């Protein structure tokens, strides 16, 4: 259930190339817009796999049997790096409900870190389609912690994961925790994590590139 959208060339591949480019990364607005566009493309591809119904649409000259989504999803994102991708998906799923999660790496002096989930704002997710949008899937630990925090009290009927770039390790971690049938939609997939658990070649810190550097906690 891994959808690797760069396996076939499209404009999405060009936008990912720009995301990776250290020169183009200097333009924060373009960086954010490219992530947003990737979210739009993933939303479009995802919609092809969602249930639809037929409704009669009244036109100035008659009626038309139109196909529309059976139900609207809930789009969730991890603050702050996920905001541009979230907006891209919301541009296309424009009637969706929304959820926001604060999850981050809490670093220790010895170089290790743990995932801290401190804030969750969401609608009722029971029996809903949940899409979690995050530009980078590195170790997969924060994503699994986020989903576990959500599903302690909520029971979505489907969970889809949308990322711009994933590592193979991150995909394996998510599949081990959630099952092989969880759809993971990736703009591209890289092979390696470095000793700091960043994706290589990746693109760097998506949150810093989109919004500026931050103090380390």
N, C-alpha and C. Protein backbone atom coordinates (compact mmCIF):
# COMPACT_ATOMS: atom_id res chain seq x y z
N UNK A 1 0.82 -1.21 0.00
CA UNK A 1 0.00 0.00 0.00
C UNK A 1 0.86 1.27 0.00
N UNK A 2 2.09 1.16 -0.48
CA UNK A 2 2.94 2.35 -0.61
C UNK A 2 2.79 2.89 -2.03
N UNK A 3 2.36 4.15 -2.13
CA UNK A 3 2.19 4.82 -3.42
C UNK A 3 3.38 5.76 -3.61
N UNK A 4 4.32 5.35 -4.48
CA UNK A 4 5.54 6.13 -4.72
C UNK A 4 5.31 6.95 -5.99
N UNK A 5 4.96 8.22 -5.83
CA UNK A 5 4.47 9.01 -6.96
C UNK A 5 5.58 9.46 -7.90
N UNK A 6 6.84 9.37 -7.48
CA UNK A 6 7.95 9.75 -8.37
C UNK A 6 8.44 8.60 -9.23
N UNK A 7 7.83 7.42 -9.08
CA UNK A 7 8.24 6.31 -9.93
C UNK A 7 7.97 6.62 -11.39
N UNK A 8 6.91 7.37 -11.64
CA UNK A 8 6.63 7.86 -12.98
C UNK A 8 6.82 9.36 -12.98
N UNK A 9 7.56 9.88 -13.96
CA UNK A 9 7.85 11.31 -13.96
C UNK A 9 6.58 12.12 -14.14
N UNK A 10 6.48 13.20 -13.39
CA UNK A 10 5.42 14.18 -13.54
C UNK A 10 5.96 15.51 -13.02
N UNK A 11 5.14 16.54 -13.03
CA UNK A 11 5.57 17.82 -12.47
C UNK A 11 5.95 17.69 -11.00
N UNK A 12 5.35 16.74 -10.30
CA UNK A 12 5.69 16.54 -8.90
C UNK A 12 7.19 16.28 -8.73
N UNK A 13 7.79 15.52 -9.64
CA UNK A 13 9.22 15.23 -9.56
C UNK A 13 10.04 16.51 -9.67
N UNK A 14 9.60 17.45 -10.50
CA UNK A 14 10.30 18.73 -10.63
C UNK A 14 10.24 19.54 -9.33
N UNK A 15 9.08 19.53 -8.69
CA UNK A 15 8.93 20.29 -7.45
C UNK A 15 9.78 19.68 -6.34
N UNK A 16 9.86 18.34 -6.29
CA UNK A 16 10.71 17.70 -5.29
C UNK A 16 12.18 18.02 -5.54
N UNK A 17 12.59 18.06 -6.82
CA UNK A 17 13.97 18.44 -7.15
C UNK A 17 14.26 19.84 -6.62
N UNK A 18 13.30 20.76 -6.75
CA UNK A 18 13.49 22.11 -6.23
C UNK A 18 13.55 22.12 -4.71
N UNK A 19 12.74 21.31 -4.05
CA UNK A 19 12.79 21.22 -2.59
C UNK A 19 14.17 20.80 -2.10
N UNK A 20 14.83 19.93 -2.84
CA UNK A 20 16.13 19.40 -2.43
C UNK A 20 17.28 20.38 -2.72
N UNK A 21 17.09 21.28 -3.67
CA UNK A 21 18.16 22.14 -4.20
C UNK A 21 18.54 23.22 -3.17
N UNK A 22 19.79 23.23 -2.72
CA UNK A 22 20.21 24.16 -1.67
C UNK A 22 20.12 25.61 -2.11
N UNK A 23 20.21 25.88 -3.40
CA UNK A 23 20.09 27.25 -3.89
C UNK A 23 18.62 27.70 -3.88
N UNK A 24 17.72 26.86 -4.39
CA UNK A 24 16.31 27.22 -4.42
C UNK A 24 15.72 27.25 -3.02
N UNK A 25 16.28 26.46 -2.11
CA UNK A 25 15.81 26.45 -0.71
C UNK A 25 15.93 27.82 -0.05
N UNK A 26 16.77 28.69 -0.57
CA UNK A 26 16.92 30.02 0.02
C UNK A 26 15.67 30.86 -0.12
N UNK A 27 14.80 30.49 -1.06
CA UNK A 27 13.53 31.19 -1.27
C UNK A 27 12.47 30.46 -0.46
N UNK A 28 12.19 30.93 0.76
CA UNK A 28 11.25 30.23 1.64
C UNK A 28 9.85 30.15 1.03
N UNK A 29 9.44 31.22 0.37
CA UNK A 29 8.09 31.21 -0.19
C UNK A 29 7.96 30.13 -1.25
N UNK A 30 8.99 29.97 -2.10
CA UNK A 30 8.93 28.91 -3.11
C UNK A 30 8.99 27.53 -2.46
N UNK A 31 9.79 27.40 -1.40
CA UNK A 31 9.86 26.13 -0.68
C UNK A 31 8.48 25.75 -0.15
N UNK A 32 7.81 26.70 0.52
CA UNK A 32 6.48 26.41 1.05
C UNK A 32 5.50 26.09 -0.06
N UNK A 33 5.57 26.83 -1.16
CA UNK A 33 4.63 26.60 -2.25
C UNK A 33 4.85 25.24 -2.90
N UNK A 34 6.10 24.80 -3.02
CA UNK A 34 6.35 23.48 -3.61
C UNK A 34 5.79 22.37 -2.73
N UNK A 35 5.96 22.49 -1.40
CA UNK A 35 5.36 21.49 -0.51
C UNK A 35 3.84 21.52 -0.64
N UNK A 36 3.28 22.72 -0.74
CA UNK A 36 1.84 22.86 -0.89
C UNK A 36 1.37 22.17 -2.18
N UNK A 37 2.10 22.37 -3.26
CA UNK A 37 1.72 21.75 -4.54
C UNK A 37 1.81 20.23 -4.47
N UNK A 38 2.81 19.72 -3.74
CA UNK A 38 2.91 18.27 -3.58
C UNK A 38 1.69 17.76 -2.81
N UNK A 39 1.26 18.49 -1.79
CA UNK A 39 0.04 18.12 -1.07
C UNK A 39 -1.17 18.10 -1.98
N UNK A 40 -1.24 19.05 -2.90
CA UNK A 40 -2.36 19.09 -3.84
C UNK A 40 -2.38 17.85 -4.74
N UNK A 41 -1.20 17.49 -5.26
CA UNK A 41 -1.12 16.33 -6.15
C UNK A 41 -1.47 15.05 -5.41
N UNK A 42 -0.95 14.89 -4.19
CA UNK A 42 -1.27 13.68 -3.42
C UNK A 42 -2.76 13.62 -3.12
N UNK A 43 -3.37 14.76 -2.79
CA UNK A 43 -4.81 14.77 -2.54
C UNK A 43 -5.58 14.33 -3.78
N UNK A 44 -5.17 14.82 -4.93
CA UNK A 44 -5.83 14.44 -6.19
C UNK A 44 -5.70 12.94 -6.43
N UNK A 45 -4.48 12.40 -6.28
CA UNK A 45 -4.27 10.97 -6.50
C UNK A 45 -5.05 10.14 -5.49
N UNK A 46 -5.06 10.59 -4.25
CA UNK A 46 -5.77 9.88 -3.19
C UNK A 46 -7.27 9.84 -3.48
N UNK A 47 -7.81 10.93 -4.02
CA UNK A 47 -9.26 11.01 -4.26
C UNK A 47 -9.74 9.95 -5.24
N UNK A 48 -8.85 9.48 -6.10
CA UNK A 48 -9.23 8.46 -7.07
C UNK A 48 -9.59 7.14 -6.40
N UNK A 49 -9.11 6.95 -5.18
CA UNK A 49 -9.32 5.69 -4.46
C UNK A 49 -10.42 5.79 -3.41
N UNK A 50 -11.07 6.95 -3.34
CA UNK A 50 -12.11 7.15 -2.33
C UNK A 50 -13.49 6.89 -2.91
N UNK A 51 -14.39 6.43 -2.05
CA UNK A 51 -15.75 6.11 -2.49
C UNK A 51 -16.46 7.38 -2.95
N UNK A 52 -17.33 7.21 -3.97
CA UNK A 52 -18.10 8.34 -4.47
C UNK A 52 -19.57 7.95 -4.57
N UNK A 53 -20.38 8.95 -4.74
CA UNK A 53 -21.80 8.74 -4.97
C UNK A 53 -22.24 9.62 -6.13
N UNK A 54 -23.41 9.34 -6.67
CA UNK A 54 -23.94 10.11 -7.79
C UNK A 54 -25.06 11.01 -7.26
N UNK A 55 -24.96 12.29 -7.60
CA UNK A 55 -26.00 13.25 -7.24
C UNK A 55 -26.46 13.97 -8.50
N UNK A 56 -27.70 14.38 -8.49
CA UNK A 56 -28.24 15.14 -9.62
C UNK A 56 -27.92 16.62 -9.43
N UNK A 57 -27.17 17.17 -10.36
CA UNK A 57 -26.77 18.58 -10.33
C UNK A 57 -27.63 19.36 -11.31
N UNK A 58 -28.23 20.42 -10.83
CA UNK A 58 -29.06 21.26 -11.70
C UNK A 58 -28.18 22.28 -12.41
N UNK A 59 -28.24 22.28 -13.73
CA UNK A 59 -27.52 23.25 -14.55
C UNK A 59 -28.52 24.25 -15.13
N UNK A 60 -28.08 25.34 -15.77
CA UNK A 60 -29.03 26.27 -16.41
C UNK A 60 -29.89 25.60 -17.49
N UNK A 61 -29.44 24.44 -18.01
CA UNK A 61 -30.15 23.81 -19.12
C UNK A 61 -30.70 22.42 -18.81
N UNK A 62 -30.59 21.99 -17.58
CA UNK A 62 -31.11 20.66 -17.25
C UNK A 62 -30.48 20.12 -15.99
N UNK A 63 -30.31 18.80 -15.94
CA UNK A 63 -29.67 18.15 -14.80
C UNK A 63 -28.58 17.21 -15.29
N UNK A 64 -27.62 16.96 -14.40
CA UNK A 64 -26.51 16.07 -14.74
C UNK A 64 -26.26 15.14 -13.57
N UNK A 65 -26.04 13.85 -13.87
CA UNK A 65 -25.70 12.87 -12.84
C UNK A 65 -24.20 12.99 -12.55
N UNK A 66 -23.85 13.64 -11.44
CA UNK A 66 -22.46 13.98 -11.14
C UNK A 66 -21.91 13.06 -10.06
N UNK A 67 -20.63 12.70 -10.22
CA UNK A 67 -19.94 11.90 -9.20
C UNK A 67 -19.28 12.84 -8.20
N UNK A 68 -19.54 12.62 -6.92
CA UNK A 68 -18.93 13.41 -5.85
C UNK A 68 -18.45 12.47 -4.76
N UNK A 69 -17.56 12.95 -3.90
CA UNK A 69 -17.08 12.13 -2.79
C UNK A 69 -18.23 11.67 -1.90
N UNK A 70 -18.16 10.41 -1.50
CA UNK A 70 -19.17 9.89 -0.59
C UNK A 70 -19.11 10.61 0.76
N UNK A 71 -17.90 10.92 1.22
CA UNK A 71 -17.73 11.61 2.50
C UNK A 71 -16.44 12.41 2.47
N UNK A 72 -16.38 13.42 3.31
CA UNK A 72 -15.21 14.26 3.41
C UNK A 72 -14.24 13.71 4.46
N UNK A 73 -12.94 13.77 4.19
CA UNK A 73 -11.98 13.27 5.18
C UNK A 73 -11.69 14.31 6.25
N UNK A 74 -10.90 13.89 7.23
CA UNK A 74 -10.29 14.80 8.19
C UNK A 74 -8.80 14.85 7.86
N UNK A 75 -8.28 16.05 7.65
CA UNK A 75 -6.85 16.22 7.37
C UNK A 75 -6.15 16.65 8.65
N UNK A 76 -5.16 15.88 9.05
CA UNK A 76 -4.39 16.19 10.26
C UNK A 76 -2.95 16.50 9.87
N UNK A 77 -2.33 17.38 10.63
CA UNK A 77 -0.92 17.66 10.37
C UNK A 77 -0.16 17.84 11.67
N UNK A 78 1.14 17.61 11.58
CA UNK A 78 2.04 17.77 12.71
C UNK A 78 2.67 19.16 12.61
N UNK A 79 2.46 19.98 13.64
CA UNK A 79 3.02 21.33 13.66
C UNK A 79 4.53 21.26 13.84
N UNK A 80 5.30 22.14 13.16
CA UNK A 80 4.88 23.21 12.28
C UNK A 80 5.17 22.90 10.82
N UNK A 81 6.10 21.94 10.61
CA UNK A 81 6.57 21.66 9.25
C UNK A 81 5.45 21.21 8.33
N UNK A 82 4.40 20.60 8.90
CA UNK A 82 3.34 20.05 8.07
C UNK A 82 2.36 21.06 7.53
N UNK A 83 2.43 22.32 7.97
CA UNK A 83 1.40 23.29 7.60
C UNK A 83 1.27 23.54 6.10
N UNK A 84 2.37 23.72 5.34
CA UNK A 84 2.20 23.95 3.90
C UNK A 84 1.57 22.75 3.18
N UNK A 85 1.97 21.55 3.55
CA UNK A 85 1.40 20.36 2.92
C UNK A 85 -0.06 20.21 3.29
N UNK A 86 -0.38 20.51 4.55
CA UNK A 86 -1.77 20.48 4.99
C UNK A 86 -2.61 21.43 4.15
N UNK A 87 -2.11 22.64 3.93
CA UNK A 87 -2.85 23.62 3.14
C UNK A 87 -3.05 23.14 1.71
N UNK A 88 -2.02 22.49 1.15
CA UNK A 88 -2.16 21.96 -0.20
C UNK A 88 -3.27 20.93 -0.30
N UNK A 89 -3.33 20.03 0.66
CA UNK A 89 -4.38 19.01 0.65
C UNK A 89 -5.75 19.66 0.89
N UNK A 90 -5.77 20.68 1.74
CA UNK A 90 -7.03 21.37 2.02
C UNK A 90 -7.50 22.17 0.81
N UNK A 91 -6.58 22.62 -0.03
CA UNK A 91 -6.98 23.30 -1.27
C UNK A 91 -7.85 22.40 -2.13
N UNK A 92 -7.58 21.09 -2.09
CA UNK A 92 -8.32 20.15 -2.94
C UNK A 92 -9.47 19.48 -2.18
N UNK A 93 -9.20 19.00 -0.97
CA UNK A 93 -10.30 18.51 -0.10
C UNK A 93 -10.85 19.73 0.65
N UNK A 94 -11.49 20.63 -0.08
CA UNK A 94 -11.79 21.95 0.49
C UNK A 94 -12.97 21.96 1.45
N UNK A 95 -13.64 20.83 1.61
CA UNK A 95 -14.71 20.73 2.60
C UNK A 95 -14.31 19.86 3.79
N UNK A 96 -13.04 19.48 3.85
CA UNK A 96 -12.57 18.57 4.89
C UNK A 96 -12.57 19.24 6.26
N UNK A 97 -12.70 18.41 7.31
CA UNK A 97 -12.42 18.86 8.66
C UNK A 97 -10.92 18.78 8.90
N UNK A 98 -10.46 19.39 9.99
CA UNK A 98 -9.02 19.53 10.20
C UNK A 98 -8.62 19.19 11.63
N UNK A 99 -7.40 18.68 11.76
CA UNK A 99 -6.83 18.36 13.08
C UNK A 99 -5.38 18.80 13.10
N UNK A 100 -4.89 19.18 14.29
CA UNK A 100 -3.53 19.67 14.44
C UNK A 100 -2.89 19.03 15.67
N UNK A 101 -1.65 18.57 15.48
CA UNK A 101 -0.93 17.86 16.53
C UNK A 101 0.44 18.51 16.73
N UNK A 102 0.81 18.70 17.99
CA UNK A 102 2.17 19.13 18.31
C UNK A 102 2.98 17.90 18.71
N UNK A 103 3.90 17.50 17.84
CA UNK A 103 4.79 16.37 18.13
C UNK A 103 6.19 16.75 17.67
N UNK A 104 7.16 16.53 18.52
CA UNK A 104 8.51 16.96 18.15
C UNK A 104 9.54 16.07 18.83
N UNK A 105 10.78 16.16 18.32
CA UNK A 105 11.89 15.44 18.93
C UNK A 105 12.42 16.22 20.13
N UNK A 106 12.36 15.64 21.32
CA UNK A 106 12.90 16.26 22.53
C UNK A 106 14.31 15.70 22.75
N UNK A 107 15.31 16.52 22.46
CA UNK A 107 16.69 16.06 22.46
C UNK A 107 17.28 16.04 23.86
N UNK A 108 18.19 15.06 24.08
CA UNK A 108 18.88 14.91 25.36
C UNK A 108 20.37 15.24 25.17
N UNK A 109 21.07 15.58 26.24
CA UNK A 109 22.49 15.96 26.12
C UNK A 109 23.36 14.89 25.47
N UNK A 110 22.99 13.62 25.60
CA UNK A 110 23.81 12.55 25.02
C UNK A 110 23.56 12.35 23.53
N UNK A 111 22.71 13.19 22.94
CA UNK A 111 22.43 13.09 21.51
C UNK A 111 21.20 12.28 21.17
N UNK A 112 20.66 11.56 22.14
CA UNK A 112 19.44 10.80 21.89
C UNK A 112 18.23 11.73 21.95
N UNK A 113 17.08 11.21 21.57
CA UNK A 113 15.87 12.02 21.66
C UNK A 113 14.67 11.11 21.86
N UNK A 114 13.59 11.71 22.35
CA UNK A 114 12.32 11.02 22.44
C UNK A 114 11.27 11.88 21.76
N UNK A 115 10.15 11.27 21.40
CA UNK A 115 9.07 12.00 20.75
C UNK A 115 8.10 12.48 21.81
N UNK A 116 7.84 13.78 21.80
CA UNK A 116 6.92 14.38 22.76
C UNK A 116 5.67 14.86 22.01
N UNK A 117 4.51 14.37 22.41
CA UNK A 117 3.23 14.83 21.86
C UNK A 117 2.54 15.64 22.94
N UNK A 118 2.39 16.95 22.71
CA UNK A 118 1.92 17.84 23.77
C UNK A 118 0.54 18.44 23.50
N UNK A 119 0.07 18.40 22.26
CA UNK A 119 -1.17 19.12 21.96
C UNK A 119 -1.89 18.40 20.82
N UNK A 120 -3.19 18.27 20.96
CA UNK A 120 -4.01 17.64 19.92
C UNK A 120 -5.34 18.36 19.85
N UNK A 121 -5.65 18.90 18.69
CA UNK A 121 -6.93 19.56 18.45
C UNK A 121 -7.57 18.90 17.24
N UNK A 122 -8.74 18.26 17.45
CA UNK A 122 -9.34 17.54 16.33
C UNK A 122 -10.84 17.39 16.52
N UNK A 123 -11.56 17.19 15.42
CA UNK A 123 -12.98 16.86 15.52
C UNK A 123 -13.16 15.40 15.90
N UNK A 124 -14.38 14.96 15.98
CA UNK A 124 -14.68 13.55 16.21
C UNK A 124 -14.16 12.75 15.01
N UNK A 125 -13.27 11.81 15.27
CA UNK A 125 -12.66 11.01 14.20
C UNK A 125 -13.26 9.62 14.09
N UNK A 126 -14.18 9.28 14.96
CA UNK A 126 -14.74 7.93 14.94
C UNK A 126 -15.44 7.65 13.62
N UNK A 127 -15.02 6.53 12.99
CA UNK A 127 -15.59 6.08 11.73
C UNK A 127 -15.39 7.09 10.60
N UNK A 128 -14.32 7.89 10.70
CA UNK A 128 -13.99 8.87 9.66
C UNK A 128 -12.74 8.42 8.91
N UNK A 129 -12.53 9.01 7.73
CA UNK A 129 -11.29 8.85 6.98
C UNK A 129 -10.31 9.90 7.48
N UNK A 130 -9.17 9.47 8.01
CA UNK A 130 -8.16 10.37 8.55
C UNK A 130 -6.94 10.38 7.63
N UNK A 131 -6.54 11.57 7.21
CA UNK A 131 -5.32 11.76 6.43
C UNK A 131 -4.33 12.51 7.30
N UNK A 132 -3.14 11.96 7.48
CA UNK A 132 -2.09 12.64 8.23
C UNK A 132 -1.03 13.12 7.25
N UNK A 133 -0.86 14.44 7.16
CA UNK A 133 0.07 15.05 6.21
C UNK A 133 1.30 15.57 6.95
N UNK A 134 2.47 15.15 6.51
CA UNK A 134 3.73 15.59 7.11
C UNK A 134 4.78 15.51 6.01
N UNK A 135 5.58 16.55 5.77
CA UNK A 135 6.47 16.51 4.61
C UNK A 135 7.54 15.42 4.67
N UNK A 136 8.02 15.07 5.90
CA UNK A 136 9.13 14.12 6.01
C UNK A 136 8.74 12.93 6.89
N UNK A 137 9.00 11.73 6.39
CA UNK A 137 8.85 10.51 7.18
C UNK A 137 10.24 9.92 7.34
N UNK A 138 10.90 10.26 8.46
CA UNK A 138 12.29 9.85 8.68
C UNK A 138 12.33 8.52 9.42
N UNK A 139 12.40 8.55 10.76
CA UNK A 139 12.39 7.29 11.52
C UNK A 139 10.99 6.69 11.59
N UNK A 140 9.98 7.53 11.45
CA UNK A 140 8.60 7.06 11.61
C UNK A 140 8.12 7.12 13.04
N UNK A 141 9.02 7.42 13.99
CA UNK A 141 8.65 7.38 15.41
C UNK A 141 7.61 8.43 15.76
N UNK A 142 7.79 9.67 15.29
CA UNK A 142 6.84 10.73 15.65
C UNK A 142 5.47 10.48 15.04
N UNK A 143 5.46 9.93 13.82
CA UNK A 143 4.18 9.63 13.18
C UNK A 143 3.43 8.53 13.92
N UNK A 144 4.14 7.48 14.33
CA UNK A 144 3.51 6.40 15.08
C UNK A 144 3.01 6.91 16.42
N UNK A 145 3.81 7.73 17.12
CA UNK A 145 3.38 8.30 18.40
C UNK A 145 2.13 9.17 18.21
N UNK A 146 2.11 9.93 17.13
CA UNK A 146 0.96 10.79 16.84
C UNK A 146 -0.30 9.96 16.63
N UNK A 147 -0.19 8.93 15.83
CA UNK A 147 -1.35 8.08 15.55
C UNK A 147 -1.81 7.36 16.81
N UNK A 148 -0.87 6.89 17.60
CA UNK A 148 -1.24 6.22 18.85
C UNK A 148 -1.94 7.19 19.81
N UNK A 149 -1.50 8.46 19.84
CA UNK A 149 -2.16 9.46 20.69
C UNK A 149 -3.59 9.69 20.22
N UNK A 150 -3.79 9.71 18.91
CA UNK A 150 -5.13 9.94 18.36
C UNK A 150 -6.03 8.75 18.64
N UNK A 151 -5.53 7.55 18.41
CA UNK A 151 -6.37 6.36 18.48
C UNK A 151 -6.60 5.85 19.90
N UNK A 152 -6.02 6.52 20.90
CA UNK A 152 -6.35 6.17 22.29
C UNK A 152 -7.82 6.40 22.57
N UNK A 153 -8.37 7.46 21.98
CA UNK A 153 -9.77 7.82 22.25
C UNK A 153 -10.62 7.87 20.99
N UNK A 154 -10.00 7.82 19.81
CA UNK A 154 -10.73 7.94 18.55
C UNK A 154 -10.46 6.71 17.68
N UNK A 155 -11.43 6.33 16.88
CA UNK A 155 -11.30 5.13 16.04
C UNK A 155 -11.63 5.46 14.59
N UNK A 156 -10.68 6.05 13.86
CA UNK A 156 -10.93 6.28 12.43
C UNK A 156 -11.12 4.95 11.70
N UNK A 157 -11.95 4.96 10.66
CA UNK A 157 -12.14 3.72 9.91
C UNK A 157 -11.02 3.50 8.89
N UNK A 158 -10.37 4.60 8.46
CA UNK A 158 -9.23 4.51 7.55
C UNK A 158 -8.21 5.55 7.96
N UNK A 159 -6.93 5.20 7.84
CA UNK A 159 -5.85 6.16 8.06
C UNK A 159 -4.96 6.16 6.83
N UNK A 160 -4.79 7.33 6.22
CA UNK A 160 -3.87 7.51 5.10
C UNK A 160 -2.74 8.42 5.55
N UNK A 161 -1.54 8.14 5.09
CA UNK A 161 -0.37 8.95 5.42
C UNK A 161 0.15 9.58 4.13
N UNK A 162 0.37 10.90 4.16
CA UNK A 162 0.84 11.63 2.99
C UNK A 162 2.13 12.36 3.35
N UNK A 163 3.21 12.09 2.61
CA UNK A 163 4.50 12.72 2.89
C UNK A 163 5.15 13.12 1.57
N UNK A 164 5.98 14.17 1.64
CA UNK A 164 6.73 14.57 0.44
C UNK A 164 7.88 13.60 0.20
N UNK A 165 8.68 13.34 1.25
CA UNK A 165 9.82 12.43 1.14
C UNK A 165 9.80 11.48 2.34
N UNK A 166 9.95 10.20 2.06
CA UNK A 166 10.01 9.18 3.10
C UNK A 166 11.33 8.43 3.02
N UNK A 167 11.76 7.90 4.15
CA UNK A 167 12.87 6.94 4.15
C UNK A 167 12.28 5.53 4.16
N UNK A 168 13.06 4.60 3.67
CA UNK A 168 12.61 3.20 3.72
C UNK A 168 12.43 2.75 5.16
N UNK A 169 13.31 3.21 6.05
CA UNK A 169 13.20 2.86 7.47
C UNK A 169 11.90 3.39 8.05
N UNK A 170 11.54 4.62 7.72
CA UNK A 170 10.30 5.20 8.23
C UNK A 170 9.08 4.44 7.76
N UNK A 171 9.08 4.04 6.51
CA UNK A 171 7.97 3.25 5.97
C UNK A 171 7.85 1.93 6.71
N UNK A 172 9.00 1.27 6.93
CA UNK A 172 8.99 -0.01 7.65
C UNK A 172 8.47 0.15 9.07
N UNK A 173 8.84 1.25 9.74
CA UNK A 173 8.37 1.49 11.10
C UNK A 173 6.86 1.66 11.15
N UNK A 174 6.34 2.45 10.22
CA UNK A 174 4.89 2.68 10.16
C UNK A 174 4.15 1.39 9.85
N UNK A 175 4.66 0.61 8.90
CA UNK A 175 4.00 -0.64 8.55
C UNK A 175 4.03 -1.63 9.69
N UNK A 176 5.13 -1.66 10.46
CA UNK A 176 5.22 -2.57 11.60
C UNK A 176 4.20 -2.19 12.67
N UNK A 177 3.95 -0.89 12.84
CA UNK A 177 3.03 -0.43 13.88
C UNK A 177 1.58 -0.47 13.45
N UNK A 178 1.32 -0.15 12.16
CA UNK A 178 -0.06 0.04 11.71
C UNK A 178 -0.54 -1.05 10.76
N UNK A 179 0.37 -1.86 10.25
CA UNK A 179 -0.02 -2.90 9.31
C UNK A 179 0.34 -2.55 7.88
N UNK A 180 0.55 -3.58 7.09
CA UNK A 180 1.00 -3.39 5.71
C UNK A 180 -0.07 -2.76 4.82
N UNK A 181 -1.33 -2.80 5.26
CA UNK A 181 -2.39 -2.29 4.40
C UNK A 181 -2.69 -0.81 4.62
N UNK A 182 -1.92 -0.13 5.49
CA UNK A 182 -2.10 1.31 5.68
C UNK A 182 -1.54 2.05 4.48
N UNK A 183 -2.35 2.83 3.76
CA UNK A 183 -1.84 3.53 2.57
C UNK A 183 -0.86 4.63 2.96
N UNK A 184 0.32 4.60 2.35
CA UNK A 184 1.35 5.62 2.53
C UNK A 184 1.62 6.25 1.17
N UNK A 185 1.33 7.53 1.05
CA UNK A 185 1.47 8.27 -0.21
C UNK A 185 2.73 9.11 -0.14
N UNK A 186 3.72 8.79 -0.98
CA UNK A 186 5.03 9.43 -0.92
C UNK A 186 5.33 10.15 -2.22
N UNK A 187 5.77 11.41 -2.11
CA UNK A 187 6.29 12.08 -3.29
C UNK A 187 7.53 11.37 -3.79
N UNK A 188 8.44 11.02 -2.87
CA UNK A 188 9.65 10.29 -3.22
C UNK A 188 10.11 9.50 -2.01
N UNK A 189 10.99 8.52 -2.24
CA UNK A 189 11.50 7.65 -1.18
C UNK A 189 13.02 7.61 -1.28
N UNK A 190 13.70 7.88 -0.14
CA UNK A 190 15.16 7.80 -0.05
C UNK A 190 15.55 6.59 0.79
N UNK A 191 16.80 6.13 0.58
CA UNK A 191 17.24 4.87 1.19
C UNK A 191 17.79 5.02 2.61
N UNK A 192 18.40 6.16 2.93
CA UNK A 192 19.32 6.22 4.07
C UNK A 192 18.86 7.24 5.11
N UNK A 193 19.11 6.92 6.40
CA UNK A 193 19.06 7.87 7.51
C UNK A 193 20.48 8.04 8.03
N UNK A 194 20.86 9.30 8.38
CA UNK A 194 22.19 9.49 8.95
C UNK A 194 22.17 9.26 10.46
N UNK A 195 23.31 9.54 11.14
CA UNK A 195 23.40 9.24 12.57
C UNK A 195 22.53 10.16 13.43
N UNK A 196 21.99 11.23 12.84
CA UNK A 196 21.06 12.10 13.54
C UNK A 196 19.61 11.82 13.15
N UNK A 197 19.42 10.75 12.41
CA UNK A 197 18.09 10.31 11.97
C UNK A 197 17.44 11.28 10.99
N UNK A 198 18.27 11.95 10.18
CA UNK A 198 17.75 12.75 9.08
C UNK A 198 17.85 11.94 7.79
N UNK A 199 16.89 12.18 6.88
CA UNK A 199 16.86 11.46 5.61
C UNK A 199 18.00 11.95 4.72
N UNK A 200 18.72 11.01 4.09
CA UNK A 200 19.80 11.31 3.16
C UNK A 200 19.48 10.67 1.80
N UNK A 201 19.52 11.44 0.69
CA UNK A 201 19.91 12.85 0.61
C UNK A 201 18.86 13.83 1.14
N UNK A 202 17.60 13.43 1.18
CA UNK A 202 16.57 14.25 1.80
C UNK A 202 16.55 15.67 1.30
N UNK A 203 16.27 16.60 2.24
CA UNK A 203 16.28 18.02 1.89
C UNK A 203 16.67 18.91 3.06
N UNK A 204 16.95 18.31 4.22
CA UNK A 204 17.25 19.09 5.41
C UNK A 204 16.05 19.16 6.33
N UNK A 205 15.96 20.21 7.12
CA UNK A 205 14.87 20.40 8.08
C UNK A 205 13.75 21.17 7.41
N UNK A 206 12.65 20.50 7.11
CA UNK A 206 11.56 21.13 6.36
C UNK A 206 10.95 22.30 7.12
N UNK A 207 10.81 22.17 8.44
CA UNK A 207 10.24 23.25 9.24
C UNK A 207 11.11 24.49 9.21
N UNK A 208 12.43 24.33 9.37
CA UNK A 208 13.34 25.47 9.32
C UNK A 208 13.35 26.11 7.94
N UNK A 209 13.34 25.31 6.90
CA UNK A 209 13.38 25.85 5.55
C UNK A 209 12.09 26.60 5.20
N UNK A 210 10.99 26.16 5.77
CA UNK A 210 9.71 26.82 5.49
C UNK A 210 9.51 28.07 6.33
N UNK A 211 9.97 28.04 7.60
CA UNK A 211 9.59 29.09 8.54
C UNK A 211 10.75 29.73 9.31
N UNK A 212 11.98 29.26 9.10
CA UNK A 212 13.11 29.80 9.81
C UNK A 212 13.55 28.90 10.95
N UNK A 213 14.78 29.10 11.41
CA UNK A 213 15.34 28.23 12.45
C UNK A 213 14.66 28.50 13.78
N UNK A 214 14.77 27.53 14.67
CA UNK A 214 14.11 27.59 15.98
C UNK A 214 15.10 27.25 17.08
N UNK A 215 14.78 27.62 18.29
CA UNK A 215 15.59 27.22 19.43
C UNK A 215 15.37 25.73 19.70
N UNK A 216 16.43 25.05 20.09
CA UNK A 216 16.32 23.63 20.44
C UNK A 216 15.84 23.49 21.88
N UNK A 217 14.88 22.56 22.09
CA UNK A 217 14.42 22.30 23.45
C UNK A 217 15.22 21.18 24.07
